[in-house]
Amino acid sequence: MRQAGVVILIFSALLLLISACVSEPGIDKNKFTALKLTVQNLKTAITASDPCDLPVMLQQRLDSEITAVKDKANSKKEHDLIVAYSHLLTTYRDGVLLCKSRSHLSDFDFFPKGRIYVSQELDPLIEKYDLSVEKHVYKHTGQYMRSIDANSIHVIWESARLQIKNIENMMNYD
């Protein structure tokens, strides 16, 4: 009886050891081919002379390709990769929003040149990317306005560039 208990214990330990050694499936890179191409286009656009000229279709394509692959993920690594792509999409949207805001009030003499007016819409970006804000007084009314440096967009594009590098590493070192 005692031998049977030892055999069962050893067999259980072996099963546990074997199950721990079995690796989870990796990333099926074929599933992510379209996403990889779109991200390469995004990477090229971000490093262009004016990254704010990004085509809107890249955002739409990235969004639809993430949605298409999301349901096909079969492993934790693929799910993690989809999460990384989703974070990149959010960063891309943040960059586009800041780019669109560049021209708000920029044509008026009372607003400092080389600055971006901070509206409520930009407040989450200010906090998320820790952008430096300056206050300005509008002389005619005494109202305060807030602004960020126009080069703040580079902080967001750098974040996107780092996320792209992370995605590439996830794909390459699987």
C-alpha atoms as a PDB file:
ATOM      1  CA  MET A   1       0.000   0.000   0.000  1.00  0.00           C
ATOM      2  CA  ARG A   2       2.811   2.322   0.886  1.00  0.00           C
ATOM      3  CA  GLN A   3       4.540   1.655  -2.430  1.00  0.00           C
ATOM      4  CA  ALA A   4       1.374   2.565  -4.337  1.00  0.00           C
ATOM      5  CA  GLY A   5       1.271   5.922  -2.524  1.00  0.00           C
ATOM      6  CA  VAL A   6       4.907   6.592  -3.408  1.00  0.00           C
ATOM      7  CA  VAL A   7       4.264   5.651  -7.051  1.00  0.00           C
ATOM      8  CA  ILE A   8       1.217   7.944  -7.205  1.00  0.00           C
ATOM      9  CA  LEU A   9       3.201  10.755  -5.600  1.00  0.00           C
ATOM     10  CA  ILE A  10       6.092  10.338  -8.059  1.00  0.00           C
ATOM     11  CA  PHE A  11       3.668  10.083 -10.999  1.00  0.00           C
ATOM     12  CA  SER A  12       1.866  13.267  -9.864  1.00  0.00           C
ATOM     13  CA  ALA A  13       5.158  15.102  -9.505  1.00  0.00           C
ATOM     14  CA  LEU A  14       6.209  14.007 -12.996  1.00  0.00           C
ATOM     15  CA  LEU A  15       2.897  15.168 -14.481  1.00  0.00           C
ATOM     16  CA  LEU A  16       3.280  18.521 -12.757  1.00  0.00           C
ATOM     17  CA  LEU A  17       6.855  18.859 -13.998  1.00  0.00           C
ATOM     18  CA  ILE A  18       5.931  17.904 -17.556  1.00  0.00           C
ATOM     19  CA  SER A  19       3.000  20.326 -17.660  1.00  0.00           C
ATOM     20  CA  ALA A  20       5.266  23.112 -16.387  1.00  0.00           C
ATOM     21  CA  CYS A  21       7.803  22.392 -19.131  1.00  0.00           C
ATOM     22  CA  VAL A  22       5.281  22.445 -21.956  1.00  0.00           C
ATOM     23  CA  SER A  23       5.564  25.856 -23.533  1.00  0.00           C
ATOM     24  CA  GLU A  24       2.634  27.919 -24.646  1.00  0.00           C
ATOM     25  CA  PRO A  25       2.224  28.418 -28.360  1.00  0.00           C
ATOM     26  CA  GLY A  26       4.123  31.403 -29.685  1.00  0.00           C
ATOM     27  CA  ILE A  27       3.027  34.086 -32.095  1.00  0.00           C
ATOM     28  CA  ASP A  28       1.680  33.085 -35.488  1.00  0.00           C
ATOM     29  CA  LYS A  29       3.400  35.851 -37.418  1.00  0.00           C
ATOM     30  CA  ASN A  30       1.198  35.303 -40.475  1.00  0.00           C
ATOM     31  CA  LYS A  31      -1.799  36.610 -38.501  1.00  0.00           C
ATOM     32  CA  PHE A  32       0.010  39.871 -37.905  1.00  0.00           C
ATOM     33  CA  THR A  33       1.391  40.500 -41.408  1.00  0.00           C
ATOM     34  CA  ALA A  34      -1.097  43.256 -42.292  1.00  0.00           C
ATOM     35  CA  LEU A  35      -0.654  44.918 -38.903  1.00  0.00           C
ATOM     36  CA  LYS A  36       3.116  44.795 -39.263  1.00  0.00           C
ATOM     37  CA  LEU A  37       2.932  46.514 -42.659  1.00  0.00           C
ATOM     38  CA  THR A  38       0.611  49.235 -41.343  1.00  0.00           C
ATOM     39  CA  VAL A  39       2.911  49.848 -38.384  1.00  0.00           C
ATOM     40  CA  GLN A  40       5.899  50.132 -40.747  1.00  0.00           C
ATOM     41  CA  ASN A  41       3.969  52.795 -42.692  1.00  0.00           C
ATOM     42  CA  LEU A  42       3.189  54.557 -39.411  1.00  0.00           C
ATOM     43  CA  LYS A  43       6.837  54.372 -38.363  1.00  0.00           C
ATOM     44  CA  THR A  44       7.861  55.966 -41.663  1.00  0.00           C
ATOM     45  CA  ALA A  45       5.267  58.712 -41.273  1.00  0.00           C
ATOM     46  CA  ILE A  46       6.325  59.475 -37.689  1.00  0.00           C
ATOM     47  CA  THR A  47       9.945  59.960 -38.727  1.00  0.00           C
ATOM     48  CA  ALA A  48       8.961  62.198 -41.645  1.00  0.00           C
ATOM     49  CA  SER A  49       9.745  65.899 -41.605  1.00  0.00           C
ATOM     50  CA  ASP A  50       6.226  66.752 -40.400  1.00  0.00           C
ATOM     51  CA  PRO A  51       4.683  63.799 -38.588  1.00  0.00           C
ATOM     52  CA  CYS A  52       1.448  65.741 -38.257  1.00  0.00           C
ATOM     53  CA  ASP A  53       0.816  65.085 -41.940  1.00  0.00           C
ATOM     54  CA  LEU A  54      -0.044  61.478 -41.061  1.00  0.00           C
ATOM     55  CA  PRO A  55      -2.782  60.081 -43.248  1.00  0.00           C
ATOM     56  CA  VAL A  56      -6.022  59.425 -41.353  1.00  0.00           C
ATOM     57  CA  MET A  57      -6.405  56.158 -43.250  1.00  0.00           C
ATOM     58  CA  LEU A  58      -3.449  54.728 -41.282  1.00  0.00           C
ATOM     59  CA  GLN A  59      -5.401  55.158 -38.060  1.00  0.00           C
ATOM     60  CA  GLN A  60      -8.490  53.532 -39.586  1.00  0.00           C
ATOM     61  CA  ARG A  61      -6.465  50.679 -41.064  1.00  0.00           C
ATOM     62  CA  LEU A  62      -4.633  50.054 -37.789  1.00  0.00           C
ATOM     63  CA  ASP A  63      -7.926  50.028 -35.895  1.00  0.00           C
ATOM     64  CA  SER A  64      -9.643  47.607 -38.290  1.00  0.00           C
ATOM     65  CA  GLU A  65      -6.634  45.274 -38.433  1.00  0.00           C
ATOM     66  CA  ILE A  66      -6.428  45.100 -34.636  1.00  0.00           C
ATOM     67  CA  THR A  67     -10.127  44.242 -34.536  1.00  0.00           C
ATOM     68  CA  ALA A  68      -9.680  41.553 -37.206  1.00  0.00           C
ATOM     69  CA  VAL A  69      -6.795  39.851 -35.385  1.00  0.00           C
ATOM     70  CA  LYS A  70      -8.205  40.220 -31.873  1.00  0.00           C
ATOM     71  CA  ASP A  71     -10.595  37.261 -32.157  1.00  0.00           C
ATOM     72  CA  LYS A  72      -7.957  35.045 -33.759  1.00  0.00           C
ATOM     73  CA  ALA A  73      -5.439  35.229 -30.903  1.00  0.00           C
ATOM     74  CA  ASN A  74      -4.694  31.740 -29.595  1.00  0.00           C
ATOM     75  CA  SER A  75      -1.975  32.363 -27.035  1.00  0.00           C
ATOM     76  CA  LYS A  76      -1.059  34.761 -24.272  1.00  0.00           C
ATOM     77  CA  LYS A  77       1.800  36.081 -26.425  1.00  0.00           C
ATOM     78  CA  GLU A  78      -0.628  36.921 -29.231  1.00  0.00           C
ATOM     79  CA  HIS A  79      -3.010  38.584 -26.765  1.00  0.00           C
ATOM     80  CA  ASP A  80      -0.102  40.597 -25.348  1.00  0.00           C
ATOM     81  CA  LEU A  81       0.871  41.637 -28.862  1.00  0.00           C
ATOM     82  CA  ILE A  82      -2.676  42.783 -29.601  1.00  0.00           C
ATOM     83  CA  VAL A  83      -2.645  44.825 -26.380  1.00  0.00           C
ATOM     84  CA  ALA A  84       0.636  46.425 -27.507  1.00  0.00           C
ATOM     85  CA  TYR A  85      -0.903  47.288 -30.893  1.00  0.00           C
ATOM     86  CA  SER A  86      -3.961  48.742 -29.121  1.00  0.00           C
ATOM     87  CA  HIS A  87      -1.733  50.956 -26.959  1.00  0.00           C
ATOM     88  CA  LEU A  88       0.054  52.112 -30.102  1.00  0.00           C
ATOM     89  CA  LEU A  89      -3.289  52.990 -31.685  1.00  0.00           C
ATOM     90  CA  THR A  90      -4.205  55.053 -28.617  1.00  0.00           C
ATOM     91  CA  THR A  91      -0.879  56.881 -28.779  1.00  0.00           C
ATOM     92  CA  TYR A  92      -1.388  57.483 -32.496  1.00  0.00           C
ATOM     93  CA  ARG A  93      -4.822  58.984 -31.782  1.00  0.00           C
ATOM     94  CA  ASP A  94      -3.289  61.182 -29.074  1.00  0.00           C
ATOM     95  CA  GLY A  95      -0.713  62.448 -31.555  1.00  0.00           C
ATOM     96  CA  VAL A  96      -3.338  63.195 -34.175  1.00  0.00           C
ATOM     97  CA  LEU A  97      -5.437  65.076 -31.603  1.00  0.00           C
ATOM     98  CA  LEU A  98      -2.472  67.213 -30.583  1.00  0.00           C
ATOM     99  CA  CYS A  99      -1.625  67.847 -34.230  1.00  0.00           C
ATOM    100  CA  LYS A 100      -5.160  69.039 -34.923  1.00  0.00           C
ATOM    101  CA  SER A 101      -4.925  71.387 -31.941  1.00  0.00           C
ATOM    102  CA  ARG A 102      -1.765  73.109 -33.204  1.00  0.00           C
ATOM    103  CA  SER A 103      -3.628  75.717 -35.188  1.00  0.00           C
ATOM    104  CA  HIS A 104      -6.272  76.605 -32.580  1.00  0.00           C
ATOM    105  CA  LEU A 105      -5.721  80.290 -31.705  1.00  0.00           C
ATOM    106  CA  SER A 106      -2.371  80.307 -33.518  1.00  0.00           C
ATOM    107  CA  ASP A 107      -3.551  82.971 -35.971  1.00  0.00           C
ATOM    108  CA  PHE A 108      -4.320  85.475 -33.231  1.00  0.00           C
ATOM    109  CA  ASP A 109      -1.746  88.048 -32.119  1.00  0.00           C
ATOM    110  CA  PHE A 110      -2.627  87.687 -28.438  1.00  0.00           C
ATOM    111  CA  PHE A 111      -1.560  84.036 -28.343  1.00  0.00           C
ATOM    112  CA  PRO A 112       2.176  83.268 -28.069  1.00  0.00           C
ATOM    113  CA  LYS A 113       3.821  81.946 -31.226  1.00  0.00           C
ATOM    114  CA  GLY A 114       5.169  78.414 -31.112  1.00  0.00           C
ATOM    115  CA  ARG A 115       2.627  77.342 -28.501  1.00  0.00           C
ATOM    116  CA  ILE A 116      -0.458  75.111 -28.568  1.00  0.00           C
ATOM    117  CA  TYR A 117      -3.561  76.244 -26.711  1.00  0.00           C
ATOM    118  CA  VAL A 118      -4.566  73.722 -24.056  1.00  0.00           C
ATOM    119  CA  SER A 119      -8.266  73.033 -24.254  1.00  0.00           C
ATOM    120  CA  GLN A 120     -10.121  70.591 -22.001  1.00  0.00           C
ATOM    121  CA  GLU A 121      -9.767  68.055 -24.770  1.00  0.00           C
ATOM    122  CA  LEU A 122      -5.977  68.129 -24.329  1.00  0.00           C
ATOM    123  CA  ASP A 123      -5.939  67.897 -20.526  1.00  0.00           C
ATOM    124  CA  PRO A 124      -5.681  64.075 -20.501  1.00  0.00           C
ATOM    125  CA  LEU A 125      -2.698  64.251 -22.867  1.00  0.00           C
ATOM    126  CA  ILE A 126      -0.957  66.833 -20.674  1.00  0.00           C
ATOM    127  CA  GLU A 127      -1.177  64.464 -17.732  1.00  0.00           C
ATOM    128  CA  LYS A 128      -0.514  61.246 -19.642  1.00  0.00           C
ATOM    129  CA  TYR A 129       2.661  62.503 -21.345  1.00  0.00           C
ATOM    130  CA  ASP A 130       3.703  64.900 -18.559  1.00  0.00           C
ATOM    131  CA  LEU A 131       3.808  67.885 -20.911  1.00  0.00           C
ATOM    132  CA  SER A 132       4.964  71.206 -19.502  1.00  0.00           C
ATOM    133  CA  VAL A 133       2.207  73.831 -19.356  1.00  0.00           C
ATOM    134  CA  GLU A 134       2.565  77.611 -19.242  1.00  0.00           C
ATOM    135  CA  LYS A 135      -0.120  80.101 -18.218  1.00  0.00           C
ATOM    136  CA  HIS A 136      -0.756  83.294 -20.164  1.00  0.00           C
ATOM    137  CA  VAL A 137      -3.007  86.224 -19.336  1.00  0.00           C
ATOM    138  CA  TYR A 138      -5.284  87.588 -22.025  1.00  0.00           C
ATOM    139  CA  LYS A 139      -4.865  91.323 -21.388  1.00  0.00           C
ATOM    140  CA  HIS A 140      -8.338  92.409 -22.519  1.00  0.00           C
ATOM    141  CA  THR A 141     -10.240  90.177 -20.106  1.00  0.00           C
ATOM    142  CA  GLY A 142      -7.679  89.133 -17.508  1.00  0.00           C
ATOM    143  CA  GLN A 143      -8.507  85.485 -18.267  1.00  0.00           C
ATOM    144  CA  TYR A 144      -5.789  82.872 -18.043  1.00  0.00           C
ATOM    145  CA  MET A 145      -4.995  80.569 -20.912  1.00  0.00           C
ATOM    146  CA  ARG A 146      -2.740  77.570 -20.831  1.00  0.00           C
ATOM    147  CA  SER A 147      -0.395  76.420 -23.548  1.00  0.00           C
ATOM    148  CA  ILE A 148       2.231  73.827 -24.308  1.00  0.00           C
ATOM    149  CA  ASP A 149       5.236  74.066 -26.584  1.00  0.00           C
ATOM    150  CA  ALA A 150       4.442  73.156 -30.202  1.00  0.00           C
ATOM    151  CA  ASN A 151       7.300  70.648 -30.065  1.00  0.00           C
ATOM    152  CA  SER A 152       5.375  68.653 -27.446  1.00  0.00           C
ATOM    153  CA  ILE A 153       4.077  66.537 -30.292  1.00  0.00           C
ATOM    154  CA  HIS A 154       7.544  64.973 -30.451  1.00  0.00           C
ATOM    155  CA  VAL A 155       7.011  63.510 -26.967  1.00  0.00           C
ATOM    156  CA  ILE A 156       3.973  61.603 -28.231  1.00  0.00           C
ATOM    157  CA  TRP A 157       5.648  60.467 -31.445  1.00  0.00           C
ATOM    158  CA  GLU A 158       8.675  59.307 -29.443  1.00  0.00           C
ATOM    159  CA  SER A 159       6.346  57.274 -27.250  1.00  0.00           C
ATOM    160  CA  ALA A 160       4.828  55.746 -30.390  1.00  0.00           C
ATOM    161  CA  ARG A 161       8.284  55.019 -31.780  1.00  0.00           C
ATOM    162  CA  LEU A 162       9.254  53.199 -28.567  1.00  0.00           C
ATOM    163  CA  GLN A 163       6.026  51.214 -28.654  1.00  0.00           C
ATOM    164  CA  ILE A 164       6.738  50.197 -32.247  1.00  0.00           C
ATOM    165  CA  LYS A 165      10.206  49.050 -31.165  1.00  0.00           C
ATOM    166  CA  ASN A 166       8.608  47.019 -28.366  1.00  0.00           C
ATOM    167  CA  ILE A 167       6.185  45.407 -30.831  1.00  0.00           C
ATOM    168  CA  GLU A 168       9.065  44.565 -33.176  1.00  0.00           C
ATOM    169  CA  ASN A 169      10.943  42.970 -30.268  1.00  0.00           C
ATOM    170  CA  MET A 170       7.892  40.937 -29.294  1.00  0.00           C
ATOM    171  CA  MET A 171       7.644  39.635 -32.860  1.00  0.00           C
ATOM    172  CA  ASN A 172      11.357  38.997 -33.326  1.00  0.00           C
ATOM    173  CA  TYR A 173      12.111  37.307 -30.031  1.00  0.00           C
ATOM    174  CA  ASP A 174       9.158  34.952 -29.888  1.00  0.00           C
END
